[in-house]
Amino acid sequence: MLGYFNRTHSLEDGTWSLFRMLLHFEVVLIIINIISIAFWFSVIMSAKNTHPNVRILNAFYYGQYMIQLSFWIVQPVLICSEQLNDADKFSNQLFTLSFTALPALVIERSVATFLLENYEKNPNVCIGFLTVLIQMLPQPPSTVVHTVSAIIANSLAVCLNKINQKINEKYFYESDRVTYSLSERFQITENIKAAKMFDKIVWSIGFFNIIVNSCLILDNYDIPTTFKNLASVSCDFSILLYGLIVPVVYYNQTDSWKKRVAVMLKGCFKPRVSPLKSTFGQDMAPHGAKEETTKYFEMLTDQWK
């Protein structure tokens, strides 16, 4: 759990039965999230036509979230089994990195615009790794400071994303007057698509971000314990829904993900076709593979005569 939960107080004020039901449901959501994130992580690592820096950033966020979920599930299980009464928050440094995911991805696309001429030819993977390392620096000790910083960073990212979109649209409409290489044209198109996708992600997860940030701030103030318990559980549910919705939104806006998922599903559900056999196990096909191929090309030759 990302906040403080007091089971002892919940027993005293008669809310434990409700919270226990919610915590059981939370465990189910965590398991669903782990399966979902593991699937999307495999998509990230195997999807083609994705820039290495985008893959590095996405793999970092999805990977650390999956690790965090594996530790997270322990706490509600211990609370529900009555082995833990007063549950303080686990270290949430890794999870709160997800609050900077949008700024990091927007910065990467802005760098792609700045290095338009050779960004596709020269991946500059150091940019992706450097962005990850910067985010691993020591975090602010206060949750309030961290949350306010995340809000400011995301607000600036939205503005930067709009600027980046306008610049690339300008490049796109100038393509009839300015000569761009094929790689530059591809990069301009990718930047515009990414900017539009980030806009949709912001609107899709904005509601959950407000709930999560509000709950994290409330956890730092002296309020009734019942409200702290409610804020903690609400924060957890918002995070878990956040983790389920964002990959779907990203998938709907990313062609490389769609193609990779289609290939994976086709491999899982493609029916196995066996040759038709007679009662005695003989192949009932009128021709072998070689004969069928020869006949096909003979028919094709006749059509073109």
C-alpha atoms as a PDB file:
ATOM      1  CA  MET A   1       0.000   0.000   0.000  1.00  0.00           C
ATOM      2  CA  LEU A   2       1.183   3.493  -0.741  1.00  0.00           C
ATOM      3  CA  GLY A   3      -0.285   5.040   2.410  1.00  0.00           C
ATOM      4  CA  TYR A   4      -0.786   4.290   6.092  1.00  0.00           C
ATOM      5  CA  PHE A   5      -3.492   1.774   7.108  1.00  0.00           C
ATOM      6  CA  ASN A   6      -4.483   1.174  10.746  1.00  0.00           C
ATOM      7  CA  ARG A   7      -6.393  -2.109  11.177  1.00  0.00           C
ATOM      8  CA  THR A   8      -6.662  -1.659  14.949  1.00  0.00           C
ATOM      9  CA  HIS A   9      -8.596   1.582  14.552  1.00  0.00           C
ATOM     10  CA  SER A  10     -10.692   0.040  11.784  1.00  0.00           C
ATOM     11  CA  LEU A  11     -11.785  -2.702  14.209  1.00  0.00           C
ATOM     12  CA  GLU A  12     -12.659  -0.117  16.839  1.00  0.00           C
ATOM     13  CA  ASP A  13     -14.832   2.074  14.600  1.00  0.00           C
ATOM     14  CA  GLY A  14     -16.608  -0.872  12.932  1.00  0.00           C
ATOM     15  CA  THR A  15     -15.274  -0.314   9.410  1.00  0.00           C
ATOM     16  CA  TRP A  16     -13.011  -3.374   9.270  1.00  0.00           C
ATOM     17  CA  SER A  17     -15.513  -5.608   7.406  1.00  0.00           C
ATOM     18  CA  LEU A  18     -15.789  -3.016   4.616  1.00  0.00           C
ATOM     19  CA  PHE A  19     -12.041  -2.421   4.398  1.00  0.00           C
ATOM     20  CA  ARG A  20     -11.306  -6.152   4.498  1.00  0.00           C
ATOM     21  CA  MET A  21     -13.578  -6.664   1.474  1.00  0.00           C
ATOM     22  CA  LEU A  22     -11.851  -3.787  -0.333  1.00  0.00           C
ATOM     23  CA  LEU A  23      -8.409  -5.183   0.507  1.00  0.00           C
ATOM     24  CA  HIS A  24      -9.364  -8.609  -0.857  1.00  0.00           C
ATOM     25  CA  PHE A  25     -10.468  -6.931  -4.079  1.00  0.00           C
ATOM     26  CA  GLU A  26      -7.208  -4.973  -4.090  1.00  0.00           C
ATOM     27  CA  VAL A  27      -5.226  -8.224  -4.021  1.00  0.00           C
ATOM     28  CA  VAL A  28      -7.204  -9.451  -7.046  1.00  0.00           C
ATOM     29  CA  LEU A  29      -6.490  -6.184  -8.881  1.00  0.00           C
ATOM     30  CA  ILE A  30      -2.775  -6.447  -8.082  1.00  0.00           C
ATOM     31  CA  ILE A  31      -2.643  -9.967  -9.552  1.00  0.00           C
ATOM     32  CA  ILE A  32      -4.471  -8.767 -12.692  1.00  0.00           C
ATOM     33  CA  ASN A  33      -2.027  -5.849 -12.924  1.00  0.00           C
ATOM     34  CA  ILE A  34       1.002  -8.136 -12.651  1.00  0.00           C
ATOM     35  CA  ILE A  35      -0.301 -10.328 -15.489  1.00  0.00           C
ATOM     36  CA  SER A  36      -1.212  -7.279 -17.586  1.00  0.00           C
ATOM     37  CA  ILE A  37       2.104  -5.491 -17.066  1.00  0.00           C
ATOM     38  CA  ALA A  38       4.065  -8.683 -17.777  1.00  0.00           C
ATOM     39  CA  PHE A  39       2.214  -8.971 -21.098  1.00  0.00           C
ATOM     40  CA  TRP A  40       2.815  -5.334 -22.052  1.00  0.00           C
ATOM     41  CA  PHE A  41       6.462  -5.603 -20.984  1.00  0.00           C
ATOM     42  CA  SER A  42       6.910  -8.496 -23.427  1.00  0.00           C
ATOM     43  CA  VAL A  43       5.265  -6.342 -26.118  1.00  0.00           C
ATOM     44  CA  ILE A  44       7.685  -3.485 -25.379  1.00  0.00           C
ATOM     45  CA  MET A  45      10.741  -5.717 -25.616  1.00  0.00           C
ATOM     46  CA  SER A  46       9.660  -7.453 -28.827  1.00  0.00           C
ATOM     47  CA  ALA A  47       7.818  -4.719 -30.774  1.00  0.00           C
ATOM     48  CA  LYS A  48       9.651  -3.683 -33.923  1.00  0.00           C
ATOM     49  CA  ASN A  49       9.860  -0.173 -35.406  1.00  0.00           C
ATOM     50  CA  THR A  50      10.156   1.360 -31.941  1.00  0.00           C
ATOM     51  CA  HIS A  51      13.000   3.782 -31.284  1.00  0.00           C
ATOM     52  CA  PRO A  52      15.538   2.337 -28.785  1.00  0.00           C
ATOM     53  CA  ASN A  53      15.157   5.295 -26.403  1.00  0.00           C
ATOM     54  CA  VAL A  54      11.370   4.909 -26.320  1.00  0.00           C
ATOM     55  CA  ARG A  55      11.841   1.201 -25.629  1.00  0.00           C
ATOM     56  CA  ILE A  56      14.350   1.923 -22.845  1.00  0.00           C
ATOM     57  CA  LEU A  57      12.021   4.370 -21.087  1.00  0.00           C
ATOM     58  CA  ASN A  58       8.927   2.187 -21.420  1.00  0.00           C
ATOM     59  CA  ALA A  59      10.812  -0.923 -20.300  1.00  0.00           C
ATOM     60  CA  PHE A  60      12.105   0.970 -17.260  1.00  0.00           C
ATOM     61  CA  TYR A  61       8.667   2.197 -16.160  1.00  0.00           C
ATOM     62  CA  TYR A  62       6.817  -1.052 -16.805  1.00  0.00           C
ATOM     63  CA  GLY A  63       9.623  -3.159 -15.334  1.00  0.00           C
ATOM     64  CA  GLN A  64       9.909  -1.214 -12.081  1.00  0.00           C
ATOM     65  CA  TYR A  65       6.112  -1.137 -11.737  1.00  0.00           C
ATOM     66  CA  MET A  66       5.953  -4.922 -12.066  1.00  0.00           C
ATOM     67  CA  ILE A  67       8.664  -5.315  -9.404  1.00  0.00           C
ATOM     68  CA  GLN A  68       6.859  -2.888  -7.108  1.00  0.00           C
ATOM     69  CA  LEU A  69       3.589  -4.807  -7.510  1.00  0.00           C
ATOM     70  CA  SER A  70       5.319  -8.030  -6.471  1.00  0.00           C
ATOM     71  CA  PHE A  71       6.292  -6.448  -3.134  1.00  0.00           C
ATOM     72  CA  TRP A  72       3.065  -4.492  -2.797  1.00  0.00           C
ATOM     73  CA  ILE A  73       0.803  -7.570  -2.760  1.00  0.00           C
ATOM     74  CA  VAL A  74       2.391  -8.790   0.486  1.00  0.00           C
ATOM     75  CA  GLN A  75       1.004  -5.960   2.606  1.00  0.00           C
ATOM     76  CA  PRO A  76      -2.769  -6.295   1.988  1.00  0.00           C
ATOM     77  CA  VAL A  77      -2.431 -10.082   2.305  1.00  0.00           C
ATOM     78  CA  LEU A  78      -0.826  -9.688   5.746  1.00  0.00           C
ATOM     79  CA  ILE A  79      -3.483  -7.169   6.810  1.00  0.00           C
ATOM     80  CA  CYS A  80      -6.371  -9.391   5.675  1.00  0.00           C
ATOM     81  CA  SER A  81      -4.846 -12.415   7.429  1.00  0.00           C
ATOM     82  CA  GLU A  82      -4.608 -10.299  10.610  1.00  0.00           C
ATOM     83  CA  GLN A  83      -0.836 -10.717  10.810  1.00  0.00           C
ATOM     84  CA  LEU A  84      -0.292  -6.980  10.435  1.00  0.00           C
ATOM     85  CA  ASN A  85      -2.279  -4.376  12.343  1.00  0.00           C
ATOM     86  CA  ASP A  86      -0.693  -0.979  11.741  1.00  0.00           C
ATOM     87  CA  ALA A  87       0.688  -1.013   8.218  1.00  0.00           C
ATOM     88  CA  ASP A  88       2.985   1.842   7.380  1.00  0.00           C
ATOM     89  CA  LYS A  89       3.787   2.577   3.774  1.00  0.00           C
ATOM     90  CA  PHE A  90       6.432   0.631   1.924  1.00  0.00           C
ATOM     91  CA  SER A  91       9.178   2.583   0.213  1.00  0.00           C
ATOM     92  CA  ASN A  92       7.368   4.062  -2.778  1.00  0.00           C
ATOM     93  CA  GLN A  93      10.340   5.664  -4.491  1.00  0.00           C
ATOM     94  CA  LEU A  94      10.169   3.272  -7.428  1.00  0.00           C
ATOM     95  CA  PHE A  95       6.447   3.636  -7.959  1.00  0.00           C
ATOM     96  CA  THR A  96       6.400   7.411  -7.749  1.00  0.00           C
ATOM     97  CA  LEU A  97       8.831   7.432 -10.665  1.00  0.00           C
ATOM     98  CA  SER A  98       5.769   6.762 -12.821  1.00  0.00           C
ATOM     99  CA  PHE A  99       4.661  10.335 -12.082  1.00  0.00           C
ATOM    100  CA  THR A 100       7.596  11.487 -14.217  1.00  0.00           C
ATOM    101  CA  ALA A 101       6.907   9.082 -17.098  1.00  0.00           C
ATOM    102  CA  LEU A 102       5.099  11.661 -19.217  1.00  0.00           C
ATOM    103  CA  PRO A 103       7.796  14.366 -18.815  1.00  0.00           C
ATOM    104  CA  ALA A 104      10.523  11.847 -19.659  1.00  0.00           C
ATOM    105  CA  LEU A 105       8.787  10.622 -22.818  1.00  0.00           C
ATOM    106  CA  VAL A 106       7.998  14.190 -23.918  1.00  0.00           C
ATOM    107  CA  ILE A 107      11.644  15.184 -23.421  1.00  0.00           C
ATOM    108  CA  GLU A 108      12.738  12.188 -25.511  1.00  0.00           C
ATOM    109  CA  ARG A 109      10.435  13.262 -28.358  1.00  0.00           C
ATOM    110  CA  SER A 110      11.674  16.850 -28.048  1.00  0.00           C
ATOM    111  CA  VAL A 111      15.239  15.599 -28.423  1.00  0.00           C
ATOM    112  CA  ALA A 112      14.063  13.670 -31.488  1.00  0.00           C
ATOM    113  CA  THR A 113      12.799  16.955 -32.941  1.00  0.00           C
ATOM    114  CA  PHE A 114      16.027  18.788 -32.110  1.00  0.00           C
ATOM    115  CA  LEU A 115      18.179  16.017 -33.622  1.00  0.00           C
ATOM    116  CA  LEU A 116      15.783  15.457 -36.513  1.00  0.00           C
ATOM    117  CA  GLU A 117      18.471  15.068 -39.157  1.00  0.00           C
ATOM    118  CA  ASN A 118      20.157  11.975 -37.719  1.00  0.00           C
ATOM    119  CA  TYR A 119      18.063  10.788 -34.750  1.00  0.00           C
ATOM    120  CA  GLU A 120      16.698   7.804 -36.655  1.00  0.00           C
ATOM    121  CA  LYS A 121      20.080   6.845 -38.122  1.00  0.00           C
ATOM    122  CA  ASN A 122      21.991   7.372 -34.872  1.00  0.00           C
ATOM    123  CA  PRO A 123      19.790   6.127 -31.987  1.00  0.00           C
ATOM    124  CA  ASN A 124      21.790   7.935 -29.242  1.00  0.00           C
ATOM    125  CA  VAL A 125      20.738   5.368 -26.633  1.00  0.00           C
ATOM    126  CA  CYS A 126      22.713   7.334 -24.053  1.00  0.00           C
ATOM    127  CA  ILE A 127      19.776   9.777 -23.998  1.00  0.00           C
ATOM    128  CA  GLY A 128      17.405   7.063 -22.806  1.00  0.00           C
ATOM    129  CA  PHE A 129      19.801   5.730 -20.165  1.00  0.00           C
ATOM    130  CA  LEU A 130      20.667   9.251 -18.968  1.00  0.00           C
ATOM    131  CA  THR A 131      16.971  10.082 -18.546  1.00  0.00           C
ATOM    132  CA  VAL A 132      16.525   6.954 -16.434  1.00  0.00           C
ATOM    133  CA  LEU A 133      19.592   7.691 -14.289  1.00  0.00           C
ATOM    134  CA  ILE A 134      18.476  11.263 -13.582  1.00  0.00           C
ATOM    135  CA  GLN A 135      15.167   9.957 -12.258  1.00  0.00           C
ATOM    136  CA  MET A 136      16.996   7.535  -9.962  1.00  0.00           C
ATOM    137  CA  LEU A 137      18.638  10.418  -8.095  1.00  0.00           C
ATOM    138  CA  PRO A 138      17.602  10.862  -4.423  1.00  0.00           C
ATOM    139  CA  GLN A 139      13.951  11.855  -4.148  1.00  0.00           C
ATOM    140  CA  PRO A 140      12.614  14.698  -1.921  1.00  0.00           C
ATOM    141  CA  PRO A 141      12.097  13.486   1.668  1.00  0.00           C
ATOM    142  CA  SER A 142       8.594  14.963   1.894  1.00  0.00           C
ATOM    143  CA  THR A 143       5.701  13.440  -0.043  1.00  0.00           C
ATOM    144  CA  VAL A 144       4.144  16.885  -0.373  1.00  0.00           C
ATOM    145  CA  VAL A 145       7.273  18.292  -2.034  1.00  0.00           C
ATOM    146  CA  HIS A 146       7.527  15.256  -4.298  1.00  0.00           C
ATOM    147  CA  THR A 147       3.853  15.444  -5.299  1.00  0.00           C
ATOM    148  CA  VAL A 148       3.928  19.185  -5.993  1.00  0.00           C
ATOM    149  CA  SER A 149       7.120  18.716  -8.027  1.00  0.00           C
ATOM    150  CA  ALA A 150       5.445  15.949 -10.040  1.00  0.00           C
ATOM    151  CA  ILE A 151       2.417  18.165 -10.741  1.00  0.00           C
ATOM    152  CA  ILE A 152       4.660  21.005 -11.919  1.00  0.00           C
ATOM    153  CA  ALA A 153       6.778  18.649 -14.048  1.00  0.00           C
ATOM    154  CA  ASN A 154       3.695  17.147 -15.713  1.00  0.00           C
ATOM    155  CA  SER A 155       2.200  20.595 -16.352  1.00  0.00           C
ATOM    156  CA  LEU A 156       5.421  21.730 -18.019  1.00  0.00           C
ATOM    157  CA  ALA A 157       5.477  18.480 -20.008  1.00  0.00           C
ATOM    158  CA  VAL A 158       1.998  19.212 -21.378  1.00  0.00           C
ATOM    159  CA  CYS A 159       3.171  22.656 -22.537  1.00  0.00           C
ATOM    160  CA  LEU A 160       6.382  21.254 -24.035  1.00  0.00           C
ATOM    161  CA  ASN A 161       4.381  18.564 -25.811  1.00  0.00           C
ATOM    162  CA  LYS A 162       2.169  21.206 -27.443  1.00  0.00           C
ATOM    163  CA  ILE A 163       5.226  23.160 -28.584  1.00  0.00           C
ATOM    164  CA  ASN A 164       6.824  20.003 -29.959  1.00  0.00           C
ATOM    165  CA  GLN A 165       3.624  19.131 -31.830  1.00  0.00           C
ATOM    166  CA  LYS A 166       3.387  22.601 -33.397  1.00  0.00           C
ATOM    167  CA  ILE A 167       7.027  22.491 -34.525  1.00  0.00           C
ATOM    168  CA  ASN A 168       6.648  19.087 -36.172  1.00  0.00           C
ATOM    169  CA  GLU A 169       3.368  20.058 -37.830  1.00  0.00           C
ATOM    170  CA  LYS A 170       5.185  23.100 -39.227  1.00  0.00           C
ATOM    171  CA  TYR A 171       7.902  20.795 -40.603  1.00  0.00           C
ATOM    172  CA  PHE A 172       5.220  18.520 -42.057  1.00  0.00           C
ATOM    173  CA  TYR A 173       3.404  21.292 -43.935  1.00  0.00           C
ATOM    174  CA  GLU A 174       6.719  22.667 -45.199  1.00  0.00           C
ATOM    175  CA  SER A 175       7.647  19.333 -46.774  1.00  0.00           C
ATOM    176  CA  ASP A 176       6.470  20.531 -50.204  1.00  0.00           C
ATOM    177  CA  ARG A 177       9.005  23.390 -50.066  1.00  0.00           C
ATOM    178  CA  VAL A 178      11.796  21.838 -47.999  1.00  0.00           C
ATOM    179  CA  THR A 179      13.566  18.632 -48.940  1.00  0.00           C
ATOM    180  CA  TYR A 180      13.541  16.118 -46.088  1.00  0.00           C
ATOM    181  CA  SER A 181      15.155  12.713 -46.192  1.00  0.00           C
ATOM    182  CA  LEU A 182      13.035   9.594 -45.750  1.00  0.00           C
ATOM    183  CA  SER A 183      14.260   9.140 -42.159  1.00  0.00           C
ATOM    184  CA  GLU A 184      13.446  12.777 -41.348  1.00  0.00           C
ATOM    185  CA  ARG A 185       9.939  12.422 -42.758  1.00  0.00           C
ATOM    186  CA  PHE A 186       9.446   9.282 -40.695  1.00  0.00           C
ATOM    187  CA  GLN A 187      10.667  11.033 -37.543  1.00  0.00           C
ATOM    188  CA  ILE A 188       8.382  14.032 -38.108  1.00  0.00           C
ATOM    189  CA  THR A 189       5.399  11.711 -38.489  1.00  0.00           C
ATOM    190  CA  GLU A 190       6.350   9.756 -35.356  1.00  0.00           C
ATOM    191  CA  ASN A 191       6.736  12.974 -33.348  1.00  0.00           C
ATOM    192  CA  ILE A 192       3.274  14.189 -34.374  1.00  0.00           C
ATOM    193  CA  LYS A 193       1.710  10.815 -33.535  1.00  0.00           C
ATOM    194  CA  ALA A 194       3.470  10.740 -30.158  1.00  0.00           C
ATOM    195  CA  ALA A 195       2.336  14.281 -29.317  1.00  0.00           C
ATOM    196  CA  LYS A 196      -1.296  13.426 -30.056  1.00  0.00           C
ATOM    197  CA  MET A 197      -0.977  10.219 -28.041  1.00  0.00           C
ATOM    198  CA  PHE A 198       0.425  12.096 -25.018  1.00  0.00           C
ATOM    199  CA  ASP A 199      -2.530  14.490 -25.186  1.00  0.00           C
ATOM    200  CA  LYS A 200      -4.940  11.575 -24.954  1.00  0.00           C
ATOM    201  CA  ILE A 201      -2.964   9.945 -22.139  1.00  0.00           C
ATOM    202  CA  VAL A 202      -3.090  13.176 -20.119  1.00  0.00           C
ATOM    203  CA  TRP A 203      -6.877  13.353 -20.376  1.00  0.00           C
ATOM    204  CA  SER A 204      -7.261   9.622 -19.760  1.00  0.00           C
ATOM    205  CA  ILE A 205      -5.266   9.483 -16.532  1.00  0.00           C
ATOM    206  CA  GLY A 206      -5.745  13.025 -15.253  1.00  0.00           C
ATOM    207  CA  PHE A 207      -8.607  11.976 -12.980  1.00  0.00           C
ATOM    208  CA  PHE A 208      -6.549   9.190 -11.382  1.00  0.00           C
ATOM    209  CA  ASN A 209      -3.554  11.478 -10.940  1.00  0.00           C
ATOM    210  CA  ILE A 210      -5.688  13.961  -9.013  1.00  0.00           C
ATOM    211  CA  ILE A 211      -6.940  11.230  -6.656  1.00  0.00           C
ATOM    212  CA  VAL A 212      -3.481   9.729  -6.108  1.00  0.00           C
ATOM    213  CA  ASN A 213      -1.799  13.072  -5.452  1.00  0.00           C
ATOM    214  CA  SER A 214      -4.598  14.224  -3.137  1.00  0.00           C
ATOM    215  CA  CYS A 215      -4.407  11.001  -1.118  1.00  0.00           C
ATOM    216  CA  LEU A 216      -0.625  11.213  -0.824  1.00  0.00           C
ATOM    217  CA  ILE A 217      -0.846  14.787   0.452  1.00  0.00           C
ATOM    218  CA  LEU A 218      -3.627  13.940   2.954  1.00  0.00           C
ATOM    219  CA  ASP A 219      -1.482  11.134   4.350  1.00  0.00           C
ATOM    220  CA  ASN A 220       1.010  13.730   5.597  1.00  0.00           C
ATOM    221  CA  TYR A 221      -1.499  15.694   7.686  1.00  0.00           C
ATOM    222  CA  ASP A 222      -3.140  15.072  11.053  1.00  0.00           C
ATOM    223  CA  ILE A 223      -6.610  13.884  10.020  1.00  0.00           C
ATOM    224  CA  PRO A 224      -8.910  11.209  11.546  1.00  0.00           C
ATOM    225  CA  THR A 225      -7.499   7.705  11.143  1.00  0.00           C
ATOM    226  CA  THR A 226     -10.632   6.501   9.336  1.00  0.00           C
ATOM    227  CA  PHE A 227     -10.064   9.087   6.617  1.00  0.00           C
ATOM    228  CA  LYS A 228      -6.394   8.063   6.409  1.00  0.00           C
ATOM    229  CA  ASN A 229      -7.458   4.445   5.892  1.00  0.00           C
ATOM    230  CA  LEU A 230      -9.933   5.515   3.215  1.00  0.00           C
ATOM    231  CA  ALA A 231      -7.341   7.728   1.513  1.00  0.00           C
ATOM    232  CA  SER A 232      -4.825   4.872   1.517  1.00  0.00           C
ATOM    233  CA  VAL A 233      -7.233   2.381  -0.085  1.00  0.00           C
ATOM    234  CA  SER A 234      -8.516   4.986  -2.585  1.00  0.00           C
ATOM    235  CA  CYS A 235      -4.938   5.765  -3.583  1.00  0.00           C
ATOM    236  CA  ASP A 236      -4.211   2.074  -4.142  1.00  0.00           C
ATOM    237  CA  PHE A 237      -7.282   1.551  -6.327  1.00  0.00           C
ATOM    238  CA  SER A 238      -6.480   4.639  -8.394  1.00  0.00           C
ATOM    239  CA  ILE A 239      -2.934   3.414  -8.983  1.00  0.00           C
ATOM    240  CA  LEU A 240      -4.099  -0.058 -10.001  1.00  0.00           C
ATOM    241  CA  LEU A 241      -6.715   1.323 -12.413  1.00  0.00           C
ATOM    242  CA  TYR A 242      -4.044   3.703 -13.707  1.00  0.00           C
ATOM    243  CA  GLY A 243      -1.797   0.714 -14.396  1.00  0.00           C
ATOM    244  CA  LEU A 244      -4.532  -1.080 -16.332  1.00  0.00           C
ATOM    245  CA  ILE A 245      -5.791   1.852 -18.410  1.00  0.00           C
ATOM    246  CA  VAL A 246      -2.570   3.597 -19.505  1.00  0.00           C
ATOM    247  CA  PRO A 247      -1.129   0.623 -21.471  1.00  0.00           C
ATOM    248  CA  VAL A 248      -4.441   0.232 -23.325  1.00  0.00           C
ATOM    249  CA  VAL A 249      -4.473   3.924 -24.282  1.00  0.00           C
ATOM    250  CA  TYR A 250      -0.825   3.661 -25.361  1.00  0.00           C
ATOM    251  CA  TYR A 251      -1.627   0.529 -27.376  1.00  0.00           C
ATOM    252  CA  ASN A 252      -4.516   2.227 -29.196  1.00  0.00           C
ATOM    253  CA  GLN A 253      -2.171   5.017 -30.323  1.00  0.00           C
ATOM    254  CA  THR A 254       0.944   2.962 -31.178  1.00  0.00           C
ATOM    255  CA  ASP A 255       1.094   1.059 -34.464  1.00  0.00           C
ATOM    256  CA  SER A 256       4.135  -1.019 -33.482  1.00  0.00           C
ATOM    257  CA  TRP A 257       2.311  -2.294 -30.390  1.00  0.00           C
ATOM    258  CA  LYS A 258      -0.792  -3.147 -32.418  1.00  0.00           C
ATOM    259  CA  LYS A 259       1.235  -5.135 -34.931  1.00  0.00           C
ATOM    260  CA  ARG A 260       3.133  -6.996 -32.226  1.00  0.00           C
ATOM    261  CA  VAL A 261      -0.012  -7.866 -30.250  1.00  0.00           C
ATOM    262  CA  ALA A 262      -1.689  -9.071 -33.466  1.00  0.00           C
ATOM    263  CA  VAL A 263       1.263 -11.377 -34.148  1.00  0.00           C
ATOM    264  CA  MET A 264       1.228 -12.694 -30.562  1.00  0.00           C
ATOM    265  CA  LEU A 265      -2.516 -13.369 -30.612  1.00  0.00           C
ATOM    266  CA  LYS A 266      -2.300 -14.968 -34.039  1.00  0.00           C
ATOM    267  CA  GLY A 267       0.404 -17.305 -32.746  1.00  0.00           C
ATOM    268  CA  CYS A 268      -1.724 -18.272 -29.736  1.00  0.00           C
ATOM    269  CA  PHE A 269      -5.063 -18.803 -31.472  1.00  0.00           C
ATOM    270  CA  LYS A 270      -4.060 -19.854 -34.993  1.00  0.00           C
ATOM    271  CA  PRO A 271      -5.717 -23.246 -35.638  1.00  0.00           C
ATOM    272  CA  ARG A 272      -3.445 -26.116 -36.522  1.00  0.00           C
ATOM    273  CA  VAL A 273      -4.365 -27.446 -39.956  1.00  0.00           C
ATOM    274  CA  SER A 274      -3.578 -31.117 -40.493  1.00  0.00           C
ATOM    275  CA  PRO A 275      -3.707 -32.793 -43.908  1.00  0.00           C
ATOM    276  CA  LEU A 276      -6.881 -34.801 -44.538  1.00  0.00           C
ATOM    277  CA  LYS A 277      -6.227 -38.524 -44.049  1.00  0.00           C
ATOM    278  CA  SER A 278      -8.094 -41.583 -45.281  1.00  0.00           C
ATOM    279  CA  THR A 279      -9.313 -44.396 -43.029  1.00  0.00           C
ATOM    280  CA  PHE A 280      -5.953 -46.096 -43.513  1.00  0.00           C
ATOM    281  CA  GLY A 281      -3.929 -42.958 -42.728  1.00  0.00           C
ATOM    282  CA  GLN A 282      -3.058 -42.060 -46.318  1.00  0.00           C
ATOM    283  CA  ASP A 283      -2.908 -38.430 -47.480  1.00  0.00           C
ATOM    284  CA  MET A 284      -6.148 -37.686 -49.336  1.00  0.00           C
ATOM    285  CA  ALA A 285      -4.777 -34.544 -51.045  1.00  0.00           C
ATOM    286  CA  PRO A 286      -4.831 -35.075 -54.823  1.00  0.00           C
ATOM    287  CA  HIS A 287      -1.322 -33.695 -55.234  1.00  0.00           C
ATOM    288  CA  GLY A 288       1.781 -33.290 -53.149  1.00  0.00           C
ATOM    289  CA  ALA A 289       3.174 -29.850 -52.283  1.00  0.00           C
ATOM    290  CA  LYS A 290       5.503 -29.827 -55.301  1.00  0.00           C
ATOM    291  CA  GLU A 291       2.740 -30.879 -57.699  1.00  0.00           C
ATOM    292  CA  GLU A 292       0.346 -28.256 -56.300  1.00  0.00           C
ATOM    293  CA  THR A 293       2.966 -25.510 -56.696  1.00  0.00           C
ATOM    294  CA  THR A 294       3.719 -26.544 -60.279  1.00  0.00           C
ATOM    295  CA  LYS A 295       0.028 -26.595 -61.162  1.00  0.00           C
ATOM    296  CA  TYR A 296      -0.479 -23.135 -59.630  1.00  0.00           C
ATOM    297  CA  PHE A 297       2.293 -21.545 -61.688  1.00  0.00           C
ATOM    298  CA  GLU A 298       1.063 -23.295 -64.849  1.00  0.00           C
ATOM    299  CA  MET A 299      -2.394 -21.783 -64.312  1.00  0.00           C
ATOM    300  CA  LEU A 300      -0.839 -18.365 -63.646  1.00  0.00           C
ATOM    301  CA  THR A 301       1.192 -18.617 -66.880  1.00  0.00           C
ATOM    302  CA  ASP A 302      -1.935 -19.479 -68.877  1.00  0.00           C
ATOM    303  CA  GLN A 303      -3.737 -16.416 -67.467  1.00  0.00           C
ATOM    304  CA  TRP A 304      -0.934 -14.043 -68.565  1.00  0.00           C
ATOM    305  CA  LYS A 305      -0.701 -15.447 -72.132  1.00  0.00           C
END
